[in-house]
Protein backbone atom coordinates (compact mmCIF):
# COMPACT_ATOMS: atom_id res chain seq x y z
CA UNK A 1 40.87 16.83 26.45
CA UNK A 2 39.26 15.79 23.39
CA UNK A 3 35.24 16.23 22.66
CA UNK A 4 33.24 13.25 21.79
CA UNK A 5 32.90 14.73 18.14
CA UNK A 6 36.61 14.82 17.89
CA UNK A 7 36.97 11.12 19.09
CA UNK A 8 34.12 9.80 16.79
CA UNK A 9 35.76 11.59 13.71
CA UNK A 10 38.96 10.24 14.42
CA UNK A 11 37.86 6.66 15.13
CA UNK A 12 35.35 6.75 12.30
CA UNK A 13 36.66 9.34 9.80
CA UNK A 14 34.06 10.45 7.12
CA UNK A 15 35.37 10.72 3.50
CA UNK A 16 38.95 9.02 3.95
CA UNK A 17 40.70 8.33 0.64
CA UNK A 18 41.39 10.04 -2.57
CA UNK A 19 39.37 11.06 -5.51
CA UNK A 20 40.92 10.02 -9.03
CA UNK A 21 41.04 12.88 -11.36
CA UNK A 22 39.96 15.25 -8.73
CA UNK A 23 38.86 18.58 -9.69
CA UNK A 24 41.24 20.21 -7.10
CA UNK A 25 43.78 18.73 -4.69
CA UNK A 26 45.56 20.78 -1.97
CA UNK A 27 48.29 19.51 0.25
CA UNK A 28 49.25 21.72 3.35
CA UNK A 29 51.69 20.61 6.39
CA UNK A 30 52.91 21.61 9.56
CA UNK A 31 56.65 21.16 9.56
CA UNK A 32 57.16 21.73 13.28
CA UNK A 33 54.75 18.68 14.44
CA UNK A 34 54.94 16.86 11.13
CA UNK A 35 51.07 16.80 10.17
CA UNK A 36 50.48 16.54 6.41
CA UNK A 37 46.90 17.05 5.15
CA UNK A 38 45.63 16.44 1.39
CA UNK A 39 42.20 17.19 0.37
CA UNK A 40 40.75 15.84 -2.85
CA UNK A 41 37.51 17.72 -4.46
CA UNK A 42 35.26 16.72 -7.34
CA UNK A 43 33.45 19.99 -8.22
CA UNK A 44 30.67 20.01 -11.11
CA UNK A 45 29.89 22.25 -13.90
CA UNK A 46 27.93 24.68 -11.75
CA UNK A 47 30.72 24.89 -9.25
CA UNK A 48 29.27 22.62 -6.80
CA UNK A 49 31.28 20.32 -4.53
CA UNK A 50 29.97 16.87 -5.17
CA UNK A 51 32.59 14.82 -3.36
CA UNK A 52 35.45 15.69 -0.89
CA UNK A 53 37.90 13.32 0.46
CA UNK A 54 41.19 13.54 2.27
CA UNK A 55 44.37 11.68 3.29
CA UNK A 56 46.12 12.87 6.44
CA UNK A 57 49.32 11.95 8.21
CA UNK A 58 49.28 13.10 11.55
CA UNK A 59 47.86 12.97 15.15
CA UNK A 60 44.12 12.24 15.92
CA UNK A 61 43.10 15.60 15.71
CA UNK A 62 44.54 16.33 12.55
CA UNK A 63 42.38 13.23 11.18
CA UNK A 64 39.38 14.77 12.87
CA UNK A 65 39.85 18.14 11.40
CA UNK A 66 40.18 16.65 8.00
CA UNK A 67 37.08 14.48 8.38
CA UNK A 68 34.89 17.26 9.50
CA UNK A 69 36.33 19.85 6.87
CA UNK A 70 35.35 17.31 3.97
CA UNK A 71 32.10 16.88 5.64
CA UNK A 72 31.54 20.67 5.77
CA UNK A 73 32.39 21.48 2.30
CA UNK A 74 30.37 18.55 0.63
CA UNK A 75 27.25 20.10 -1.30
CA UNK A 76 28.45 23.52 -1.05
CA UNK A 77 29.43 25.95 -3.96
CA UNK A 78 32.96 26.67 -4.31
CA UNK A 79 32.30 30.19 -2.98
CA UNK A 80 30.42 28.50 0.07
CA UNK A 81 33.63 26.34 0.83
CA UNK A 82 35.74 29.33 0.82
CA UNK A 83 33.84 30.57 3.68
CA UNK A 84 34.75 27.25 5.89
CA UNK A 85 37.25 28.73 8.03
CA UNK A 86 39.27 26.90 11.04
CA UNK A 87 36.86 28.50 13.57
CA UNK A 88 33.97 26.65 11.82
CA UNK A 89 35.74 23.44 11.67
CA UNK A 90 36.56 23.60 15.54
CA UNK A 91 33.02 24.62 16.20
CA UNK A 92 31.66 21.73 14.39
CA UNK A 93 33.92 19.42 16.48
CA UNK A 94 32.67 21.17 19.84
CA UNK A 95 36.13 22.37 20.21
CA UNK A 96 39.98 21.57 20.18
CA UNK A 97 42.60 21.79 22.87
CA UNK A 98 44.74 24.76 22.41
CA UNK A 99 47.80 22.88 21.30
CA UNK A 100 45.76 21.34 18.44
CA UNK A 101 44.06 24.44 16.99
CA UNK A 102 47.07 24.29 14.28
CA UNK A 103 44.85 21.27 13.13
CA UNK A 104 41.87 23.33 12.25
CA UNK A 105 44.16 25.79 10.26
CA UNK A 106 45.56 22.89 8.49
CA UNK A 107 42.08 21.74 7.51
CA UNK A 108 40.84 25.37 6.14
CA UNK A 109 44.17 25.82 4.22
CA UNK A 110 43.98 22.45 2.57
CA UNK A 111 40.57 23.45 1.44
CA UNK A 112 41.70 26.54 0.14
CA UNK A 113 44.87 24.83 -1.46
CA UNK A 114 42.33 22.34 -3.08
CA UNK A 115 40.23 25.30 -4.52
CA UNK A 116 43.39 26.90 -5.77
CA UNK A 117 44.13 23.90 -7.68
CA UNK A 118 41.02 23.80 -8.98
CA UNK A 119 40.86 27.32 -10.29
CA UNK A 120 44.37 27.09 -11.77
CA UNK A 121 43.14 24.02 -13.58
CA UNK A 122 40.04 25.73 -15.08
CA UNK A 123 42.02 28.89 -15.81
CA UNK A 124 39.59 31.02 -13.32
CA UNK A 125 39.85 33.30 -10.57
CA UNK A 126 37.79 32.53 -7.17
CA UNK A 127 36.83 35.81 -5.53
CA UNK A 128 38.58 36.14 -2.14
CA UNK A 129 40.74 32.98 -2.79
CA UNK A 130 44.72 33.96 -1.96
CA UNK A 131 47.38 31.36 -2.82
CA UNK A 132 47.59 29.12 0.10
CA UNK A 133 50.81 28.65 2.13
CA UNK A 134 52.17 24.98 2.03
CA UNK A 135 53.44 25.21 5.75
CA UNK A 136 51.18 26.21 8.43
CA UNK A 137 52.25 27.42 11.72
CA UNK A 138 50.51 27.19 15.45
CA UNK A 139 50.96 31.29 15.71
CA UNK A 140 49.08 31.93 12.45
CA UNK A 141 45.40 31.51 13.79
CA UNK A 142 43.02 33.53 11.56
């Protein structure tokens, strides 16, 4: 069963859409279930995320985790956004059913992929950021 917060973020997603000329764009998916998540970040000169948007093709939990992930990173520095984990996304949504945990993993990895893209475009290294995986599986919980 889904929490009220999951249902709210699914039925009223925050930050849906894309950012033209985004500072960083990250796309990840789960080949097994077909979910695809893309996160767009607009990052200012001080490394603060001014705006975050998403486009997700997938189930309600994928939409809800995308929505919550963008809410969690807005206003944060790049380093703070890197600390947003799948567990933080799940906690902010008051939990997910076990079979939907992979959606929160997608959200975490989409943030990392967008930060990776930003770092590449800027020619910088972000401490603690590893190259993201494009295909996320349920058995890879962190």
